[in-house]
Amino acid sequence: MADELAEPPAMTQPVGTAPRRRPFKELWRKLRGPIARSRFFKSTLARTVAASLRVIHRSNRLADGSIPFKTGVLGLEPVIIALWHGQHLLTPCFYPRGQRLVAMFSRSADAELNALVFEKLGFSTVRGSGGREGDHRSEKGGARALIGLKRVLDRGDNVAMIADIPHGTPRSAGLGIIVLARISGRPIVPIATATSRRKVLHKSWDKTTINLPFGRSSIVVGDPVWVPADANEAELEAKRLEVTQALNAVTERAYGLVDGGA
């Protein structure tokens, strides 16, 4: 009687049949780890992405009101270009060809492809941390990267940093870029680019935006932010907030130009 009253076992397939095999899915599970670690695969993917970005950049008409990079930084170079995570992918294509640029990317695995793409576009990179919000003490790798970027600025070349912290608060600048401006004496210049046709990855922490071809593009260069060499902790925090506000303002302006709102 107990057997008759027992609940039937949950099943997703008829009794007596073998589980459905998914050979391609099983093969992908076995291969995706080695593929992700393959230098050849990552290099090929980065080269493909870089070529795609060039095509996307060329196929988008520059919107009226855009501020070309050279115009926006006239008389200021060398500068520290400030960008937001997830909004920076197409920006290197707006940079003048033949002019040297060194960018800082975090040491995270997520940033590795971004760094490789940047290199395929003809620029140089350093790896390190941008510094947590409210904490200007960098870990050793980040400190070395900042020193390396200072040397680049000292020789007269521009550098670029993504201002917000990986997987931190998006659209909120870290203190790393502020410290670089203090020790180098060079201004931070907020820059934003946008395209009218785009795909936003809403589930990503930074709302990564994939730019698409055959629309309008824009670039907006904001006013420089200078950080005094003797800035104390409170002044550094004030400058961090200033950079955050400036970058958000140029980002809003860039999207307004391509979406008809400016």
Protein backbone atom coordinates (compact mmCIF):
# COMPACT_ATOMS: atom_id res chain seq x y z
CA MET A 1 0.00 0.00 0.00
CA ALA A 2 2.84 2.39 0.83
CA ASP A 3 4.27 1.86 -2.65
CA GLU A 4 0.87 2.63 -4.19
CA LEU A 5 0.57 5.94 -2.29
CA ALA A 6 4.14 7.13 -2.91
CA GLU A 7 4.62 10.13 -5.15
CA PRO A 8 5.90 9.19 -8.63
CA PRO A 9 9.49 10.23 -9.23
CA ALA A 10 9.98 13.50 -11.14
CA MET A 11 11.21 12.85 -14.65
CA THR A 12 11.90 14.80 -17.74
CA GLN A 13 12.08 11.86 -20.12
CA PRO A 14 10.30 8.51 -20.53
CA VAL A 15 11.27 5.72 -18.13
CA GLY A 16 13.91 3.44 -19.53
CA THR A 17 15.39 5.95 -21.97
CA ALA A 18 18.97 7.14 -21.71
CA PRO A 19 19.63 10.84 -21.00
CA ARG A 20 19.79 12.86 -24.19
CA ARG A 21 23.40 13.51 -25.10
CA ARG A 22 24.52 16.89 -26.30
CA PRO A 23 27.90 16.13 -27.87
CA PHE A 24 28.62 19.65 -29.12
CA LYS A 25 27.79 21.21 -25.74
CA GLU A 26 29.96 18.66 -23.95
CA LEU A 27 32.80 19.29 -26.40
CA TRP A 28 32.55 23.05 -25.86
CA ARG A 29 32.73 22.58 -22.09
CA LYS A 30 35.96 20.65 -22.52
CA LEU A 31 37.49 23.11 -24.97
CA ARG A 32 36.45 26.52 -23.68
CA GLY A 33 39.05 26.58 -20.88
CA PRO A 34 42.06 25.78 -23.10
CA ILE A 35 40.73 28.12 -25.80
CA ALA A 36 40.38 30.97 -23.32
CA ARG A 37 44.00 30.42 -22.24
CA SER A 38 45.33 30.17 -25.79
CA ARG A 39 47.51 33.13 -26.77
CA PHE A 40 46.82 32.41 -30.43
CA PHE A 41 43.05 32.44 -29.92
CA LYS A 42 43.11 35.64 -27.86
CA SER A 43 45.39 37.36 -30.36
CA THR A 44 43.18 36.36 -33.27
CA LEU A 45 40.04 37.50 -31.47
CA ALA A 46 41.64 40.84 -30.55
CA ARG A 47 42.75 41.38 -34.15
CA THR A 48 39.20 40.66 -35.37
CA VAL A 49 37.65 43.05 -32.84
CA ALA A 50 40.16 45.80 -33.73
CA ALA A 51 39.39 45.44 -37.45
CA SER A 52 35.66 45.56 -36.69
CA LEU A 53 36.05 48.74 -34.65
CA ARG A 54 37.86 50.43 -37.54
CA VAL A 55 35.00 49.53 -39.89
CA ILE A 56 32.39 50.73 -37.41
CA HIS A 57 34.23 54.02 -36.93
CA ARG A 58 34.55 54.67 -40.67
CA SER A 59 30.91 53.78 -41.36
CA ASN A 60 29.47 56.26 -38.84
CA ARG A 61 29.10 59.90 -39.90
CA LEU A 62 30.49 62.33 -37.33
CA ALA A 63 27.63 64.30 -35.78
CA ASP A 64 27.58 68.09 -35.81
CA GLY A 65 28.82 69.51 -32.53
CA SER A 66 31.49 66.87 -32.02
CA ILE A 67 34.84 68.09 -30.72
CA PRO A 68 37.82 66.42 -32.42
CA PHE A 69 40.52 65.25 -30.04
CA LYS A 70 43.21 67.60 -31.35
CA THR A 71 40.88 70.59 -31.00
CA GLY A 72 39.82 69.63 -27.49
CA VAL A 73 43.37 69.28 -26.13
CA LEU A 74 44.99 72.10 -28.09
CA GLY A 75 47.75 73.64 -25.98
CA LEU A 76 47.30 71.10 -23.15
CA GLU A 77 49.32 68.04 -24.21
CA PRO A 78 50.54 65.79 -22.80
CA VAL A 79 47.25 64.92 -21.11
CA ILE A 80 45.62 62.13 -19.13
CA ILE A 81 42.58 60.96 -21.08
CA ALA A 82 39.77 59.83 -18.76
CA LEU A 83 37.17 57.32 -20.00
CA TRP A 84 34.34 55.26 -18.50
CA HIS A 85 34.24 51.47 -18.46
CA GLY A 86 31.89 50.09 -21.06
CA GLN A 87 31.80 53.35 -23.03
CA HIS A 88 35.40 53.32 -24.22
CA LEU A 89 35.47 50.61 -26.89
CA LEU A 90 35.38 52.85 -29.98
CA THR A 91 37.32 55.77 -28.51
CA PRO A 92 40.82 54.69 -29.71
CA CYS A 93 39.60 54.96 -33.31
CA PHE A 94 39.04 58.71 -32.81
CA TYR A 95 42.63 59.24 -31.69
CA PRO A 96 44.95 60.83 -34.31
CA ARG A 97 46.78 58.17 -36.27
CA GLY A 98 50.53 58.12 -35.82
CA GLN A 99 50.44 59.85 -32.43
CA ARG A 100 51.67 57.73 -29.54
CA LEU A 101 49.33 56.83 -26.72
CA VAL A 102 49.76 54.54 -23.70
CA ALA A 103 46.70 53.23 -21.85
CA MET A 104 46.35 51.66 -18.43
CA PHE A 105 44.17 48.57 -18.06
CA SER A 106 43.47 46.62 -14.91
CA ARG A 107 45.07 43.24 -14.26
CA SER A 108 41.70 41.47 -14.32
CA ALA A 109 41.02 38.72 -16.86
CA ASP A 110 38.09 40.78 -18.18
CA ALA A 111 40.44 43.63 -19.09
CA GLU A 112 42.90 41.42 -20.94
CA LEU A 113 40.96 41.38 -24.21
CA ASN A 114 40.47 45.15 -24.03
CA ALA A 115 44.22 45.61 -23.64
CA LEU A 116 44.97 43.28 -26.56
CA VAL A 117 42.49 45.10 -28.81
CA PHE A 118 44.06 48.43 -27.88
CA GLU A 119 47.48 47.07 -28.84
CA LYS A 120 46.14 45.75 -32.17
CA LEU A 121 44.95 49.29 -32.87
CA GLY A 122 48.57 50.40 -32.66
CA PHE A 123 48.91 51.69 -29.11
CA SER A 124 50.80 50.61 -25.99
CA THR A 125 49.45 49.40 -22.65
CA VAL A 126 50.43 49.01 -19.01
CA ARG A 127 48.56 46.85 -16.51
CA GLY A 128 47.61 47.89 -12.99
CA SER A 129 44.87 48.99 -10.61
CA GLY A 130 43.16 52.36 -10.71
CA GLY A 131 42.73 52.52 -6.93
CA ARG A 132 39.58 51.94 -4.91
CA GLU A 133 37.14 54.73 -4.16
CA GLY A 134 38.11 56.54 -0.99
CA ASP A 135 41.54 54.91 -0.88
CA HIS A 136 44.51 56.51 -2.64
CA ARG A 137 46.88 53.74 -1.54
CA SER A 138 47.59 51.61 -4.62
CA GLU A 139 48.73 48.01 -4.57
CA LYS A 140 52.28 47.48 -5.82
CA GLY A 141 51.32 46.64 -9.41
CA GLY A 142 49.12 49.72 -9.63
CA ALA A 143 51.83 51.94 -8.16
CA ARG A 144 54.34 50.67 -10.74
CA ALA A 145 51.82 51.29 -13.52
CA LEU A 146 51.24 54.87 -12.36
CA ILE A 147 54.99 55.49 -12.26
CA GLY A 148 55.24 54.08 -15.79
CA LEU A 149 52.48 56.40 -17.00
CA LYS A 150 54.19 59.38 -15.35
CA ARG A 151 57.32 58.59 -17.35
CA VAL A 152 55.24 58.51 -20.54
CA LEU A 153 53.82 61.95 -19.71
CA ASP A 154 57.29 63.25 -18.85
CA ARG A 155 58.51 62.36 -22.33
CA GLY A 156 55.58 64.27 -23.88
CA ASP A 157 53.14 61.51 -24.87
CA ASN A 158 49.50 61.25 -23.86
CA VAL A 159 48.14 58.50 -21.63
CA ALA A 160 44.63 57.10 -21.15
CA MET A 161 42.94 55.61 -18.10
CA ILE A 162 39.52 54.13 -17.53
CA ALA A 163 38.49 56.16 -14.52
CA ASP A 164 36.05 53.87 -12.75
CA ILE A 165 37.15 50.70 -10.95
CA PRO A 166 36.51 47.22 -12.41
CA HIS A 167 33.38 45.75 -10.79
CA GLY A 168 33.20 48.72 -8.44
CA THR A 169 30.69 51.55 -8.72
CA PRO A 170 30.20 52.31 -12.43
CA ARG A 171 30.52 55.94 -13.51
CA SER A 172 32.37 56.87 -10.32
CA ALA A 173 36.05 57.74 -10.70
CA GLY A 174 38.68 56.01 -8.61
CA LEU A 175 41.56 57.89 -7.04
CA GLY A 176 44.26 56.33 -9.22
CA ILE A 177 43.75 58.80 -12.05
CA ILE A 178 43.72 61.68 -9.56
CA VAL A 179 47.03 60.55 -8.05
CA LEU A 180 48.57 60.33 -11.53
CA ALA A 181 47.52 63.93 -12.24
CA ARG A 182 49.00 65.06 -8.92
CA ILE A 183 52.40 63.39 -9.36
CA SER A 184 52.74 64.27 -13.06
CA GLY A 185 51.40 67.83 -13.02
CA ARG A 186 49.39 67.06 -16.18
CA PRO A 187 45.65 67.69 -16.64
CA ILE A 188 42.90 65.06 -16.77
CA VAL A 189 40.78 65.48 -19.89
CA PRO A 190 37.38 63.71 -19.86
CA ILE A 191 36.41 62.22 -23.22
CA ALA A 192 33.29 60.39 -24.36
CA THR A 193 32.27 58.86 -27.67
CA ALA A 194 28.92 57.45 -28.79
CA THR A 195 27.10 56.05 -31.81
CA SER A 196 23.43 56.34 -32.71
CA ARG A 197 23.24 52.62 -33.43
CA ARG A 198 24.37 50.52 -30.48
CA LYS A 199 23.66 47.49 -28.34
CA VAL A 200 23.72 47.92 -24.56
CA LEU A 201 24.56 44.85 -22.48
CA HIS A 202 22.19 45.66 -19.62
CA LYS A 203 23.25 42.67 -17.54
CA SER A 204 26.90 43.73 -17.45
CA TRP A 205 27.98 45.66 -14.35
CA ASP A 206 29.02 48.71 -16.39
CA LYS A 207 26.26 48.51 -19.03
CA THR A 208 28.85 47.86 -21.74
CA THR A 209 27.86 49.49 -25.01
CA ILE A 210 28.65 47.76 -28.32
CA ASN A 211 28.87 50.33 -31.09
CA LEU A 212 27.24 49.40 -34.41
CA PRO A 213 27.91 50.65 -37.96
CA PHE A 214 25.96 52.83 -40.40
CA GLY A 215 24.74 55.60 -38.13
CA ARG A 216 26.13 58.73 -36.52
CA SER A 217 29.07 59.00 -34.15
CA SER A 218 30.24 61.70 -31.76
CA ILE A 219 33.23 62.62 -29.66
CA VAL A 220 33.14 65.19 -26.88
CA VAL A 221 36.20 66.51 -25.05
CA GLY A 222 35.58 68.18 -21.69
CA ASP A 223 37.45 70.91 -19.86
CA PRO A 224 40.71 69.86 -18.18
CA VAL A 225 40.85 69.01 -14.49
CA TRP A 226 44.12 69.99 -12.77
CA VAL A 227 45.24 68.46 -9.47
CA PRO A 228 47.69 70.48 -7.31
CA ALA A 229 50.96 68.76 -6.47
CA ASP A 230 50.37 69.46 -2.77
CA ALA A 231 46.74 68.31 -2.72
CA ASN A 232 45.74 66.73 0.59
CA GLU A 233 43.33 63.84 1.07
CA ALA A 234 40.24 66.05 1.12
CA GLU A 235 41.34 67.86 -2.04
CA LEU A 236 42.01 64.55 -3.79
CA GLU A 237 38.48 63.42 -2.96
CA ALA A 238 37.07 66.70 -4.27
CA LYS A 239 38.97 66.25 -7.53
CA ARG A 240 37.71 62.66 -7.79
CA LEU A 241 34.15 63.95 -7.61
CA GLU A 242 34.97 66.68 -10.14
CA VAL A 243 36.28 64.11 -12.64
CA THR A 244 33.21 61.94 -12.05
CA GLN A 245 30.88 64.85 -12.78
CA ALA A 246 32.90 65.98 -15.81
CA LEU A 247 32.96 62.51 -17.36
CA ASN A 248 29.24 62.05 -16.82
CA ALA A 249 28.61 65.44 -18.43
CA VAL A 250 30.61 64.69 -21.60
CA THR A 251 29.01 61.23 -21.83
CA GLU A 252 25.53 62.76 -21.70
CA ARG A 253 26.57 65.32 -24.30
CA ALA A 254 28.00 62.66 -26.65
CA TYR A 255 24.79 60.64 -26.55
CA GLY A 256 22.72 63.77 -27.01
CA LEU A 257 24.58 64.60 -30.23
CA VAL A 258 23.86 61.21 -31.86
CA ASP A 259 20.34 60.82 -30.49
CA GLY A 260 19.15 64.28 -31.47
CA GLY A 261 18.85 65.58 -27.95
CA ALA A 262 21.56 68.21 -28.16
